[in-house]
Amino acid sequence: YYLQQQSIPTEFPELLPDIKFPEYFDKKLFVDPTIWIGSGGNT
């Protein structure tokens, strides 16, 4: 089982305070961050 590449702002906005956007990209070019949740063994 794998929760794959789901939008944090759309599906899990409660998690946004726990992370920070890295400063390595131009913010104007950012697309919504996504989250993956699973266990060991997934490929």
PDB file of all heavy atoms in Angstrom:
ATOM      1  N   TYR A   1       0.840  -1.199   0.000  1.00  0.00           N
ATOM      2  CA  TYR A   1       0.000   0.000   0.000  1.00  0.00           C
ATOM      3  C   TYR A   1       0.873   1.246   0.000  1.00  0.00           C
ATOM      4  O   TYR A   1       1.881   1.320   0.698  1.00  0.00           O
ATOM      5  CB  TYR A   1      -0.916  -0.005   1.230  1.00  0.00           C
ATOM      6  CG  TYR A   1      -1.892  -1.157   1.256  1.00  0.00           C
ATOM      7  CD1 TYR A   1      -1.483  -2.429   1.665  1.00  0.00           C
ATOM      8  CD2 TYR A   1      -3.213  -0.992   0.858  1.00  0.00           C
ATOM      9  CE1 TYR A   1      -2.365  -3.498   1.683  1.00  0.00           C
ATOM     10  CE2 TYR A   1      -4.108  -2.058   0.863  1.00  0.00           C
ATOM     11  CZ  TYR A   1      -3.677  -3.302   1.281  1.00  0.00           C
ATOM     12  OH  TYR A   1      -4.551  -4.366   1.293  1.00  0.00           O
ATOM     13  N   TYR A   2       0.423   2.268  -0.778  1.00  0.00           N
ATOM     14  CA  TYR A   2       1.250   3.464  -0.950  1.00  0.00           C
ATOM     15  C   TYR A   2       0.340   4.661  -1.214  1.00  0.00           C
ATOM     16  O   TYR A   2      -0.476   4.638  -2.145  1.00  0.00           O
ATOM     17  CB  TYR A   2       2.169   3.264  -2.158  1.00  0.00           C
ATOM     18  CG  TYR A   2       3.530   3.925  -2.097  1.00  0.00           C
ATOM     19  CD1 TYR A   2       4.509   3.604  -3.046  1.00  0.00           C
ATOM     20  CD2 TYR A   2       3.860   4.868  -1.145  1.00  0.00           C
ATOM     21  CE1 TYR A   2       5.772   4.179  -3.019  1.00  0.00           C
ATOM     22  CE2 TYR A   2       5.117   5.452  -1.112  1.00  0.00           C
ATOM     23  CZ  TYR A   2       6.066   5.095  -2.053  1.00  0.00           C
ATOM     24  OH  TYR A   2       7.308   5.680  -2.024  1.00  0.00           O
ATOM     25  N   LEU A   3       0.470   5.700  -0.400  1.00  0.00           N
ATOM     26  CA  LEU A   3      -0.149   6.988  -0.713  1.00  0.00           C
ATOM     27  C   LEU A   3       0.873   7.744  -1.539  1.00  0.00           C
ATOM     28  O   LEU A   3       1.942   8.098  -1.041  1.00  0.00           O
ATOM     29  CB  LEU A   3      -0.521   7.739   0.573  1.00  0.00           C
ATOM     30  CG  LEU A   3      -1.308   9.041   0.414  1.00  0.00           C
ATOM     31  CD1 LEU A   3      -2.237   9.269   1.616  1.00  0.00           C
ATOM     32  CD2 LEU A   3      -0.386  10.245   0.257  1.00  0.00           C
ATOM     33  N   GLN A   4       0.558   7.975  -2.814  1.00  0.00           N
ATOM     34  CA  GLN A   4       1.549   8.458  -3.770  1.00  0.00           C
ATOM     35  C   GLN A   4       1.247   9.876  -4.247  1.00  0.00           C
ATOM     36  O   GLN A   4       0.158  10.162  -4.746  1.00  0.00           O
ATOM     37  CB  GLN A   4       1.586   7.530  -4.993  1.00  0.00           C
ATOM     38  CG  GLN A   4       2.122   6.144  -4.709  1.00  0.00           C
ATOM     39  CD  GLN A   4       2.208   5.318  -5.979  1.00  0.00           C
ATOM     40  OE1 GLN A   4       1.196   5.025  -6.611  1.00  0.00           O
ATOM     41  NE2 GLN A   4       3.409   4.944  -6.373  1.00  0.00           N
ATOM     42  N   GLN A   5       2.210  10.737  -4.097  1.00  0.00           N
ATOM     43  CA  GLN A   5       2.265  12.030  -4.784  1.00  0.00           C
ATOM     44  C   GLN A   5       0.953  12.803  -4.707  1.00  0.00           C
ATOM     45  O   GLN A   5       0.411  13.220  -5.724  1.00  0.00           O
ATOM     46  CB  GLN A   5       2.674  11.812  -6.247  1.00  0.00           C
ATOM     47  CG  GLN A   5       3.211  13.067  -6.913  1.00  0.00           C
ATOM     48  CD  GLN A   5       3.869  12.773  -8.232  1.00  0.00           C
ATOM     49  OE1 GLN A   5       4.672  11.859  -8.349  1.00  0.00           O
ATOM     50  NE2 GLN A   5       3.562  13.551  -9.248  1.00  0.00           N
ATOM     51  N   GLN A   6       0.461  13.016  -3.504  1.00  0.00           N
ATOM     52  CA  GLN A   6      -0.769  13.779  -3.331  1.00  0.00           C
ATOM     53  C   GLN A   6      -0.448  15.189  -2.846  1.00  0.00           C
ATOM     54  O   GLN A   6       0.444  15.395  -2.022  1.00  0.00           O
ATOM     55  CB  GLN A   6      -1.710  13.051  -2.379  1.00  0.00           C
ATOM     56  CG  GLN A   6      -2.153  11.714  -2.953  1.00  0.00           C
ATOM     57  CD  GLN A   6      -3.327  11.110  -2.226  1.00  0.00           C
ATOM     58  OE1 GLN A   6      -4.033  11.768  -1.476  1.00  0.00           O
ATOM     59  NE2 GLN A   6      -3.559   9.822  -2.445  1.00  0.00           N
ATOM     60  N   SER A   7      -1.179  16.159  -3.366  1.00  0.00           N
ATOM     61  CA  SER A   7      -0.924  17.565  -3.074  1.00  0.00           C
ATOM     62  C   SER A   7      -1.110  17.857  -1.588  1.00  0.00           C
ATOM     63  O   SER A   7      -2.173  17.574  -1.018  1.00  0.00           O
ATOM     64  CB  SER A   7      -1.868  18.451  -3.888  1.00  0.00           C
ATOM     65  OG  SER A   7      -1.839  19.789  -3.412  1.00  0.00           O
ATOM     66  N   ILE A   8      -0.094  18.435  -0.967  1.00  0.00           N
ATOM     67  CA  ILE A   8      -0.222  18.807   0.442  1.00  0.00           C
ATOM     68  C   ILE A   8      -1.182  19.986   0.615  1.00  0.00           C
ATOM     69  O   ILE A   8      -2.086  19.922   1.458  1.00  0.00           O
ATOM     70  CB  ILE A   8       1.160  19.097   1.060  1.00  0.00           C
ATOM     71  CG1 ILE A   8       2.007  17.819   1.055  1.00  0.00           C
ATOM     72  CG2 ILE A   8       1.017  19.625   2.497  1.00  0.00           C
ATOM     73  CD1 ILE A   8       3.420  17.999   1.575  1.00  0.00           C
ATOM     74  N   PRO A   9      -1.056  21.081  -0.160  1.00  0.00           N
ATOM     75  CA  PRO A   9      -2.002  22.191   0.029  1.00  0.00           C
ATOM     76  C   PRO A   9      -3.461  21.802  -0.204  1.00  0.00           C
ATOM     77  O   PRO A   9      -4.360  22.304   0.469  1.00  0.00           O
ATOM     78  CB  PRO A   9      -1.536  23.221  -1.009  1.00  0.00           C
ATOM     79  CG  PRO A   9      -0.102  22.911  -1.233  1.00  0.00           C
ATOM     80  CD  PRO A   9       0.000  21.419  -1.127  1.00  0.00           C
ATOM     81  N   THR A  10      -3.711  20.885  -1.144  1.00  0.00           N
ATOM     82  CA  THR A  10      -5.090  20.506  -1.470  1.00  0.00           C
ATOM     83  C   THR A  10      -5.631  19.436  -0.544  1.00  0.00           C
ATOM     84  O   THR A  10      -6.750  19.545  -0.027  1.00  0.00           O
ATOM     85  CB  THR A  10      -5.170  20.004  -2.926  1.00  0.00           C
ATOM     86  OG1 THR A  10      -4.714  21.038  -3.803  1.00  0.00           O
ATOM     87  CG2 THR A  10      -6.597  19.627  -3.290  1.00  0.00           C
ATOM     88  N   GLU A  11      -4.840  18.377  -0.302  1.00  0.00           N
ATOM     89  CA  GLU A  11      -5.339  17.218   0.432  1.00  0.00           C
ATOM     90  C   GLU A  11      -4.962  17.210   1.910  1.00  0.00           C
ATOM     91  O   GLU A  11      -5.697  16.680   2.738  1.00  0.00           O
ATOM     92  CB  GLU A  11      -4.822  15.925  -0.228  1.00  0.00           C
ATOM     93  CG  GLU A  11      -5.280  15.740  -1.663  1.00  0.00           C
ATOM     94  CD  GLU A  11      -6.784  15.568  -1.775  1.00  0.00           C
ATOM     95  OE1 GLU A  11      -7.408  15.086  -0.804  1.00  0.00           O
ATOM     96  OE2 GLU A  11      -7.344  15.920  -2.826  1.00  0.00           O
ATOM     97  N   PHE A  12      -3.813  17.784   2.250  1.00  0.00           N
ATOM     98  CA  PHE A  12      -3.320  17.727   3.629  1.00  0.00           C
ATOM     99  C   PHE A  12      -2.788  19.087   4.092  1.00  0.00           C
ATOM    100  O   PHE A  12      -1.642  19.204   4.546  1.00  0.00           O
ATOM    101  CB  PHE A  12      -2.213  16.668   3.750  1.00  0.00           C
ATOM    102  CG  PHE A  12      -2.626  15.283   3.325  1.00  0.00           C
ATOM    103  CD1 PHE A  12      -2.323  14.819   2.053  1.00  0.00           C
ATOM    104  CD2 PHE A  12      -3.334  14.463   4.191  1.00  0.00           C
ATOM    105  CE1 PHE A  12      -2.703  13.543   1.645  1.00  0.00           C
ATOM    106  CE2 PHE A  12      -3.725  13.187   3.790  1.00  0.00           C
ATOM    107  CZ  PHE A  12      -3.412  12.729   2.518  1.00  0.00           C
ATOM    108  N   PRO A  13      -3.596  20.154   3.976  1.00  0.00           N
ATOM    109  CA  PRO A  13      -3.103  21.492   4.323  1.00  0.00           C
ATOM    110  C   PRO A  13      -2.665  21.631   5.780  1.00  0.00           C
ATOM    111  O   PRO A  13      -1.848  22.497   6.104  1.00  0.00           O
ATOM    112  CB  PRO A  13      -4.300  22.403   4.008  1.00  0.00           C
ATOM    113  CG  PRO A  13      -5.500  21.505   4.069  1.00  0.00           C
ATOM    114  CD  PRO A  13      -5.024  20.179   3.561  1.00  0.00           C
ATOM    115  N   GLU A  14      -3.184  20.758   6.643  1.00  0.00           N
ATOM    116  CA  GLU A  14      -2.800  20.807   8.056  1.00  0.00           C
ATOM    117  C   GLU A  14      -1.307  20.541   8.254  1.00  0.00           C
ATOM    118  O   GLU A  14      -0.741  20.869   9.310  1.00  0.00           O
ATOM    119  CB  GLU A  14      -3.612  19.776   8.859  1.00  0.00           C
ATOM    120  CG  GLU A  14      -5.114  20.034   8.862  1.00  0.00           C
ATOM    121  CD  GLU A  14      -5.837  19.369   7.693  1.00  0.00           C
ATOM    122  OE1 GLU A  14      -5.197  19.011   6.688  1.00  0.00           O
ATOM    123  OE2 GLU A  14      -7.072  19.201   7.794  1.00  0.00           O
ATOM    124  N   LEU A  15      -0.661  19.945   7.243  1.00  0.00           N
ATOM    125  CA  LEU A  15       0.762  19.613   7.366  1.00  0.00           C
ATOM    126  C   LEU A  15       1.677  20.767   6.949  1.00  0.00           C
ATOM    127  O   LEU A  15       2.879  20.728   7.217  1.00  0.00           O
ATOM    128  CB  LEU A  15       1.088  18.381   6.512  1.00  0.00           C
ATOM    129  CG  LEU A  15       0.373  17.085   6.900  1.00  0.00           C
ATOM    130  CD1 LEU A  15       0.784  15.956   5.965  1.00  0.00           C
ATOM    131  CD2 LEU A  15       0.656  16.705   8.353  1.00  0.00           C
ATOM    132  N   LEU A  16       1.136  21.770   6.297  1.00  0.00           N
ATOM    133  CA  LEU A  16       1.979  22.855   5.785  1.00  0.00           C
ATOM    134  C   LEU A  16       2.792  23.568   6.878  1.00  0.00           C
ATOM    135  O   LEU A  16       3.956  23.924   6.639  1.00  0.00           O
ATOM    136  CB  LEU A  16       1.136  23.865   5.013  1.00  0.00           C
ATOM    137  CG  LEU A  16       0.669  23.401   3.622  1.00  0.00           C
ATOM    138  CD1 LEU A  16      -0.324  24.406   3.031  1.00  0.00           C
ATOM    139  CD2 LEU A  16       1.858  23.223   2.686  1.00  0.00           C
ATOM    140  N   PRO A  17       2.246  23.799   8.093  1.00  0.00           N
ATOM    141  CA  PRO A  17       3.070  24.455   9.118  1.00  0.00           C
ATOM    142  C   PRO A  17       4.292  23.648   9.553  1.00  0.00           C
ATOM    143  O   PRO A  17       5.215  24.208  10.165  1.00  0.00           O
ATOM    144  CB  PRO A  17       2.087  24.633  10.292  1.00  0.00           C
ATOM    145  CG  PRO A  17       0.736  24.593   9.677  1.00  0.00           C
ATOM    146  CD  PRO A  17       0.851  23.625   8.542  1.00  0.00           C
ATOM    147  N   ASP A  18       4.306  22.347   9.249  1.00  0.00           N
ATOM    148  CA  ASP A  18       5.396  21.478   9.696  1.00  0.00           C
ATOM    149  C   ASP A  18       6.585  21.459   8.741  1.00  0.00           C
ATOM    150  O   ASP A  18       7.613  20.833   9.033  1.00  0.00           O
ATOM    151  CB  ASP A  18       4.892  20.044   9.873  1.00  0.00           C
ATOM    152  CG  ASP A  18       3.782  19.939  10.905  1.00  0.00           C
ATOM    153  OD1 ASP A  18       3.702  20.809  11.792  1.00  0.00           O
ATOM    154  OD2 ASP A  18       2.979  18.971  10.812  1.00  0.00           O
ATOM    155  N   ILE A  19       6.440  22.075   7.563  1.00  0.00           N
ATOM    156  CA  ILE A  19       7.508  22.072   6.563  1.00  0.00           C
ATOM    157  C   ILE A  19       7.787  23.505   6.110  1.00  0.00           C
ATOM    158  O   ILE A  19       7.018  24.415   6.388  1.00  0.00           O
ATOM    159  CB  ILE A  19       7.147  21.201   5.341  1.00  0.00           C
ATOM    160  CG1 ILE A  19       5.913  21.755   4.612  1.00  0.00           C
ATOM    161  CG2 ILE A  19       6.916  19.749   5.775  1.00  0.00           C
ATOM    162  CD1 ILE A  19       5.538  20.994   3.353  1.00  0.00           C
ATOM    163  N   LYS A  20       8.906  23.681   5.415  1.00  0.00           N
ATOM    164  CA  LYS A  20       9.258  24.983   4.854  1.00  0.00           C
ATOM    165  C   LYS A  20       9.708  24.779   3.410  1.00  0.00           C
ATOM    166  O   LYS A  20      10.399  23.801   3.110  1.00  0.00           O
ATOM    167  CB  LYS A  20      10.389  25.641   5.651  1.00  0.00           C
ATOM    168  CG  LYS A  20      10.041  25.947   7.098  1.00  0.00           C
ATOM    169  CD  LYS A  20      11.234  26.575   7.825  1.00  0.00           C
ATOM    170  CE  LYS A  20      10.903  26.854   9.287  1.00  0.00           C
ATOM    171  NZ  LYS A  20      12.064  27.440  10.005  1.00  0.00           N
ATOM    172  N   PHE A  21       9.328  25.703   2.546  1.00  0.00           N
ATOM    173  CA  PHE A  21       9.751  25.603   1.159  1.00  0.00           C
ATOM    174  C   PHE A  21      11.256  25.857   1.077  1.00  0.00           C
ATOM    175  O   PHE A  21      11.731  26.903   1.531  1.00  0.00           O
ATOM    176  CB  PHE A  21       8.996  26.609   0.283  1.00  0.00           C
ATOM    177  CG  PHE A  21       7.607  26.181  -0.061  1.00  0.00           C
ATOM    178  CD1 PHE A  21       6.594  26.172   0.889  1.00  0.00           C
ATOM    179  CD2 PHE A  21       7.296  25.749  -1.345  1.00  0.00           C
ATOM    180  CE1 PHE A  21       5.301  25.768   0.577  1.00  0.00           C
ATOM    181  CE2 PHE A  21       6.005  25.341  -1.671  1.00  0.00           C
ATOM    182  CZ  PHE A  21       5.012  25.354  -0.705  1.00  0.00           C
ATOM    183  N   PRO A  22      12.026  24.916   0.519  1.00  0.00           N
ATOM    184  CA  PRO A  22      13.465  25.160   0.357  1.00  0.00           C
ATOM    185  C   PRO A  22      13.713  26.382  -0.515  1.00  0.00           C
ATOM    186  O   PRO A  22      12.940  26.674  -1.435  1.00  0.00           O
ATOM    187  CB  PRO A  22      13.956  23.878  -0.339  1.00  0.00           C
ATOM    188  CG  PRO A  22      12.915  22.850  -0.038  1.00  0.00           C
ATOM    189  CD  PRO A  22      11.612  23.592   0.026  1.00  0.00           C
ATOM    190  N   GLU A  23      14.785  27.085  -0.244  1.00  0.00           N
ATOM    191  CA  GLU A  23      15.061  28.337  -0.936  1.00  0.00           C
ATOM    192  C   GLU A  23      15.891  28.158  -2.201  1.00  0.00           C
ATOM    193  O   GLU A  23      16.394  29.129  -2.753  1.00  0.00           O
ATOM    194  CB  GLU A  23      15.762  29.307   0.022  1.00  0.00           C
ATOM    195  CG  GLU A  23      14.896  29.674   1.230  1.00  0.00           C
ATOM    196  CD  GLU A  23      15.586  30.681   2.144  1.00  0.00           C
ATOM    197  OE1 GLU A  23      16.774  30.977   1.904  1.00  0.00           O
ATOM    198  OE2 GLU A  23      14.924  31.149   3.090  1.00  0.00           O
ATOM    199  N   TYR A  24      15.997  26.924  -2.685  1.00  0.00           N
ATOM    200  CA  TYR A  24      16.880  26.666  -3.824  1.00  0.00           C
ATOM    201  C   TYR A  24      16.221  26.918  -5.173  1.00  0.00           C
ATOM    202  O   TYR A  24      16.901  27.070  -6.178  1.00  0.00           O
ATOM    203  CB  TYR A  24      17.406  25.228  -3.752  1.00  0.00           C
ATOM    204  CG  TYR A  24      18.262  25.007  -2.530  1.00  0.00           C
ATOM    205  CD1 TYR A  24      17.874  24.134  -1.523  1.00  0.00           C
ATOM    206  CD2 TYR A  24      19.459  25.704  -2.378  1.00  0.00           C
ATOM    207  CE1 TYR A  24      18.656  23.939  -0.401  1.00  0.00           C
ATOM    208  CE2 TYR A  24      20.251  25.518  -1.253  1.00  0.00           C
ATOM    209  CZ  TYR A  24      19.845  24.635  -0.264  1.00  0.00           C
ATOM    210  OH  TYR A  24      20.626  24.460   0.857  1.00  0.00           O
ATOM    211  N   PHE A  25      14.887  26.944  -5.216  1.00  0.00           N
ATOM    212  CA  PHE A  25      14.168  27.212  -6.454  1.00  0.00           C
ATOM    213  C   PHE A  25      13.561  28.614  -6.408  1.00  0.00           C
ATOM    214  O   PHE A  25      13.314  29.161  -5.328  1.00  0.00           O
ATOM    215  CB  PHE A  25      13.019  26.211  -6.662  1.00  0.00           C
ATOM    216  CG  PHE A  25      13.433  24.805  -7.024  1.00  0.00           C
ATOM    217  CD1 PHE A  25      12.578  23.742  -6.784  1.00  0.00           C
ATOM    218  CD2 PHE A  25      14.656  24.538  -7.612  1.00  0.00           C
ATOM    219  CE1 PHE A  25      12.934  22.436  -7.123  1.00  0.00           C
ATOM    220  CE2 PHE A  25      15.026  23.244  -7.956  1.00  0.00           C
ATOM    221  CZ  PHE A  25      14.159  22.198  -7.711  1.00  0.00           C
ATOM    222  N   ASP A  26      13.284  29.159  -7.576  1.00  0.00           N
ATOM    223  CA  ASP A  26      12.557  30.417  -7.692  1.00  0.00           C
ATOM    224  C   ASP A  26      11.098  30.160  -7.293  1.00  0.00           C
ATOM    225  O   ASP A  26      10.419  29.312  -7.869  1.00  0.00           O
ATOM    226  CB  ASP A  26      12.628  30.915  -9.132  1.00  0.00           C
ATOM    227  CG  ASP A  26      12.008  32.283  -9.326  1.00  0.00           C
ATOM    228  OD1 ASP A  26      11.156  32.685  -8.509  1.00  0.00           O
ATOM    229  OD2 ASP A  26      12.372  32.956 -10.309  1.00  0.00           O
ATOM    230  N   LYS A  27      10.595  30.882  -6.300  1.00  0.00           N
ATOM    231  CA  LYS A  27       9.245  30.642  -5.797  1.00  0.00           C
ATOM    232  C   LYS A  27       8.185  30.816  -6.877  1.00  0.00           C
ATOM    233  O   LYS A  27       7.121  30.198  -6.822  1.00  0.00           O
ATOM    234  CB  LYS A  27       8.962  31.563  -4.608  1.00  0.00           C
ATOM    235  CG  LYS A  27       9.733  31.177  -3.350  1.00  0.00           C
ATOM    236  CD  LYS A  27       9.348  32.051  -2.169  1.00  0.00           C
ATOM    237  CE  LYS A  27      10.113  31.614  -0.917  1.00  0.00           C
ATOM    238  NZ  LYS A  27       9.771  32.461   0.249  1.00  0.00           N
ATOM    239  N   LYS A  28       8.452  31.661  -7.862  1.00  0.00           N
ATOM    240  CA  LYS A  28       7.477  31.870  -8.935  1.00  0.00           C
ATOM    241  C   LYS A  28       7.299  30.622  -9.790  1.00  0.00           C
ATOM    242  O   LYS A  28       6.303  30.487 -10.510  1.00  0.00           O
ATOM    243  CB  LYS A  28       7.912  33.044  -9.813  1.00  0.00           C
ATOM    244  CG  LYS A  28       7.895  34.402  -9.122  1.00  0.00           C
ATOM    245  CD  LYS A  28       8.331  35.511 -10.049  1.00  0.00           C
ATOM    246  CE  LYS A  28       9.798  35.349 -10.450  1.00  0.00           C
ATOM    247  NZ  LYS A  28      10.299  36.503 -11.244  1.00  0.00           N
ATOM    248  N   LEU A  29       8.266  29.713  -9.737  1.00  0.00           N
ATOM    249  CA  LEU A  29       8.208  28.505 -10.566  1.00  0.00           C
ATOM    250  C   LEU A  29       7.736  27.282  -9.794  1.00  0.00           C
ATOM    251  O   LEU A  29       7.616  26.191 -10.351  1.00  0.00           O
ATOM    252  CB  LEU A  29       9.597  28.228 -11.169  1.00  0.00           C
ATOM    253  CG  LEU A  29      10.163  29.329 -12.070  1.00  0.00           C
ATOM    254  CD1 LEU A  29      11.570  28.966 -12.527  1.00  0.00           C
ATOM    255  CD2 LEU A  29       9.256  29.565 -13.278  1.00  0.00           C
ATOM    256  N   PHE A  30       7.472  27.436  -8.491  1.00  0.00           N
ATOM    257  CA  PHE A  30       7.035  26.312  -7.671  1.00  0.00           C
ATOM    258  C   PHE A  30       5.677  25.790  -8.109  1.00  0.00           C
ATOM    259  O   PHE A  30       4.790  26.549  -8.518  1.00  0.00           O
ATOM    260  CB  PHE A  30       6.931  26.715  -6.201  1.00  0.00           C
ATOM    261  CG  PHE A  30       8.157  26.403  -5.381  1.00  0.00           C
ATOM    262  CD1 PHE A  30       8.834  27.411  -4.711  1.00  0.00           C
ATOM    263  CD2 PHE A  30       8.626  25.108  -5.257  1.00  0.00           C
ATOM    264  CE1 PHE A  30       9.946  27.142  -3.944  1.00  0.00           C
ATOM    265  CE2 PHE A  30       9.742  24.815  -4.497  1.00  0.00           C
ATOM    266  CZ  PHE A  30      10.404  25.842  -3.840  1.00  0.00           C
ATOM    267  N   VAL A  31       5.502  24.492  -8.008  1.00  0.00           N
ATOM    268  CA  VAL A  31       4.221  23.813  -8.159  1.00  0.00           C
ATOM    269  C   VAL A  31       3.915  23.183  -6.804  1.00  0.00           C
ATOM    270  O   VAL A  31       4.827  22.948  -6.003  1.00  0.00           O
ATOM    271  CB  VAL A  31       4.298  22.743  -9.271  1.00  0.00           C
ATOM    272  CG1 VAL A  31       2.986  22.014  -9.437  1.00  0.00           C
ATOM    273  CG2 VAL A  31       4.729  23.390 -10.586  1.00  0.00           C
ATOM    274  N   ASP A  32       2.638  22.899  -6.512  1.00  0.00           N
ATOM    275  CA  ASP A  32       2.273  22.362  -5.191  1.00  0.00           C
ATOM    276  C   ASP A  32       3.180  21.213  -4.755  1.00  0.00           C
ATOM    277  O   ASP A  32       3.397  20.258  -5.530  1.00  0.00           O
ATOM    278  CB  ASP A  32       0.827  21.835  -5.218  1.00  0.00           C
ATOM    279  CG  ASP A  32      -0.196  22.944  -5.061  1.00  0.00           C
ATOM    280  OD1 ASP A  32       0.196  24.112  -4.963  1.00  0.00           O
ATOM    281  OD2 ASP A  32      -1.409  22.625  -5.051  1.00  0.00           O
ATOM    282  N   PRO A  33       3.682  21.251  -3.516  1.00  0.00           N
ATOM    283  CA  PRO A  33       4.439  20.103  -3.007  1.00  0.00           C
ATOM    284  C   PRO A  33       3.525  18.905  -2.810  1.00  0.00           C
ATOM    285  O   PRO A  33       2.320  19.051  -2.554  1.00  0.00           O
ATOM    286  CB  PRO A  33       4.990  20.605  -1.668  1.00  0.00           C
ATOM    287  CG  PRO A  33       4.038  21.672  -1.242  1.00  0.00           C
ATOM    288  CD  PRO A  33       3.560  22.318  -2.508  1.00  0.00           C
ATOM    289  N   THR A  34       4.097  17.716  -2.945  1.00  0.00           N
ATOM    290  CA  THR A  34       3.318  16.486  -2.813  1.00  0.00           C
ATOM    291  C   THR A  34       3.947  15.572  -1.774  1.00  0.00           C
ATOM    292  O   THR A  34       5.132  15.674  -1.464  1.00  0.00           O
ATOM    293  CB  THR A  34       3.224  15.749  -4.169  1.00  0.00           C
ATOM    294  OG1 THR A  34       4.551  15.530  -4.684  1.00  0.00           O
ATOM    295  CG2 THR A  34       2.432  16.556  -5.175  1.00  0.00           C
ATOM    296  N   ILE A  35       3.139  14.670  -1.240  1.00  0.00           N
ATOM    297  CA  ILE A  35       3.583  13.782  -0.168  1.00  0.00           C
ATOM    298  C   ILE A  35       3.436  12.323  -0.587  1.00  0.00           C
ATOM    299  O   ILE A  35       2.536  11.964  -1.362  1.00  0.00           O
ATOM    300  CB  ILE A  35       2.792  14.053   1.131  1.00  0.00           C
ATOM    301  CG1 ILE A  35       3.403  13.305   2.318  1.00  0.00           C
ATOM    302  CG2 ILE A  35       1.308  13.715   0.969  1.00  0.00           C
ATOM    303  CD1 ILE A  35       2.844  13.729   3.662  1.00  0.00           C
ATOM    304  N   TRP A  36       4.374  11.505  -0.093  1.00  0.00           N
ATOM    305  CA  TRP A  36       4.345  10.055  -0.272  1.00  0.00           C
ATOM    306  C   TRP A  36       4.392   9.413   1.116  1.00  0.00           C
ATOM    307  O   TRP A  36       5.252   9.769   1.933  1.00  0.00           O
ATOM    308  CB  TRP A  36       5.564   9.572  -1.054  1.00  0.00           C
ATOM    309  CG  TRP A  36       5.732  10.148  -2.426  1.00  0.00           C
ATOM    310  CD1 TRP A  36       6.057  11.430  -2.743  1.00  0.00           C
ATOM    311  CD2 TRP A  36       5.606   9.447  -3.661  1.00  0.00           C
ATOM    312  NE1 TRP A  36       6.132  11.577  -4.106  1.00  0.00           N
ATOM    313  CE2 TRP A  36       5.861  10.373  -4.693  1.00  0.00           C
ATOM    314  CE3 TRP A  36       5.309   8.126  -3.998  1.00  0.00           C
ATOM    315  CZ2 TRP A  36       5.833  10.025  -6.043  1.00  0.00           C
ATOM    316  CZ3 TRP A  36       5.279   7.770  -5.341  1.00  0.00           C
ATOM    317  CH2 TRP A  36       5.533   8.715  -6.344  1.00  0.00           C
ATOM    318  N   ILE A  37       3.499   8.478   1.381  1.00  0.00           N
ATOM    319  CA  ILE A  37       3.509   7.748   2.653  1.00  0.00           C
ATOM    320  C   ILE A  37       3.385   6.261   2.345  1.00  0.00           C
ATOM    321  O   ILE A  37       2.470   5.831   1.638  1.00  0.00           O
ATOM    322  CB  ILE A  37       2.346   8.174   3.574  1.00  0.00           C
ATOM    323  CG1 ILE A  37       2.380   9.686   3.839  1.00  0.00           C
ATOM    324  CG2 ILE A  37       2.411   7.416   4.904  1.00  0.00           C
ATOM    325  CD1 ILE A  37       1.183  10.187   4.649  1.00  0.00           C
ATOM    326  N   GLY A  38       4.313   5.486   2.876  1.00  0.00           N
ATOM    327  CA  GLY A  38       4.269   4.045   2.666  1.00  0.00           C
ATOM    328  C   GLY A  38       5.091   3.341   3.728  1.00  0.00           C
ATOM    329  O   GLY A  38       5.318   3.869   4.821  1.00  0.00           O
ATOM    330  N   SER A  39       5.534   2.157   3.384  1.00  0.00           N
ATOM    331  CA  SER A  39       6.386   1.369   4.276  1.00  0.00           C
ATOM    332  C   SER A  39       7.557   0.845   3.480  1.00  0.00           C
ATOM    333  O   SER A  39       7.636   1.033   2.260  1.00  0.00           O
ATOM    334  CB  SER A  39       5.586   0.214   4.889  1.00  0.00           C
ATOM    335  OG  SER A  39       5.065  -0.616   3.871  1.00  0.00           O
ATOM    336  N   GLY A  40       8.479   0.195   4.145  1.00  0.00           N
ATOM    337  CA  GLY A  40       9.603  -0.396   3.448  1.00  0.00           C
ATOM    338  C   GLY A  40       9.144  -1.459   2.470  1.00  0.00           C
ATOM    339  O   GLY A  40       8.149  -2.154   2.701  1.00  0.00           O
ATOM    340  N   GLY A  41       9.858  -1.584   1.349  1.00  0.00           N
ATOM    341  CA  GLY A  41       9.544  -2.618   0.370  1.00  0.00           C
ATOM    342  C   GLY A  41       8.867  -2.105  -0.878  1.00  0.00           C
ATOM    343  O   GLY A  41       8.868  -2.797  -1.904  1.00  0.00           O
ATOM    344  N   ASN A  42       8.275  -0.913  -0.841  1.00  0.00           N
ATOM    345  CA  ASN A  42       7.620  -0.368  -2.029  1.00  0.00           C
ATOM    346  C   ASN A  42       8.647   0.083  -3.060  1.00  0.00           C
ATOM    347  O   ASN A  42       9.704   0.600  -2.714  1.00  0.00           O
ATOM    348  CB  ASN A  42       6.738   0.828  -1.664  1.00  0.00           C
ATOM    349  CG  ASN A  42       5.515   0.422  -0.859  1.00  0.00           C
ATOM    350  OD1 ASN A  42       5.167  -0.741  -0.778  1.00  0.00           O
ATOM    351  ND2 ASN A  42       4.860   1.405  -0.253  1.00  0.00           N
ATOM    352  N   THR A  43       8.308  -0.083  -4.342  1.00  0.00           N
ATOM    353  CA  THR A  43       9.194   0.331  -5.432  1.00  0.00           C
ATOM    354  C   THR A  43       8.423   1.157  -6.449  1.00  0.00           C
ATOM    355  O   THR A  43       7.371   0.728  -6.934  1.00  0.00           O
ATOM    356  CB  THR A  43       9.803  -0.897  -6.148  1.00  0.00           C
ATOM    357  OG1 THR A  43      10.572  -1.663  -5.219  1.00  0.00           O
ATOM    358  CG2 THR A  43      10.710  -0.456  -7.304  1.00  0.00           C
TER     359      THR A  43
END
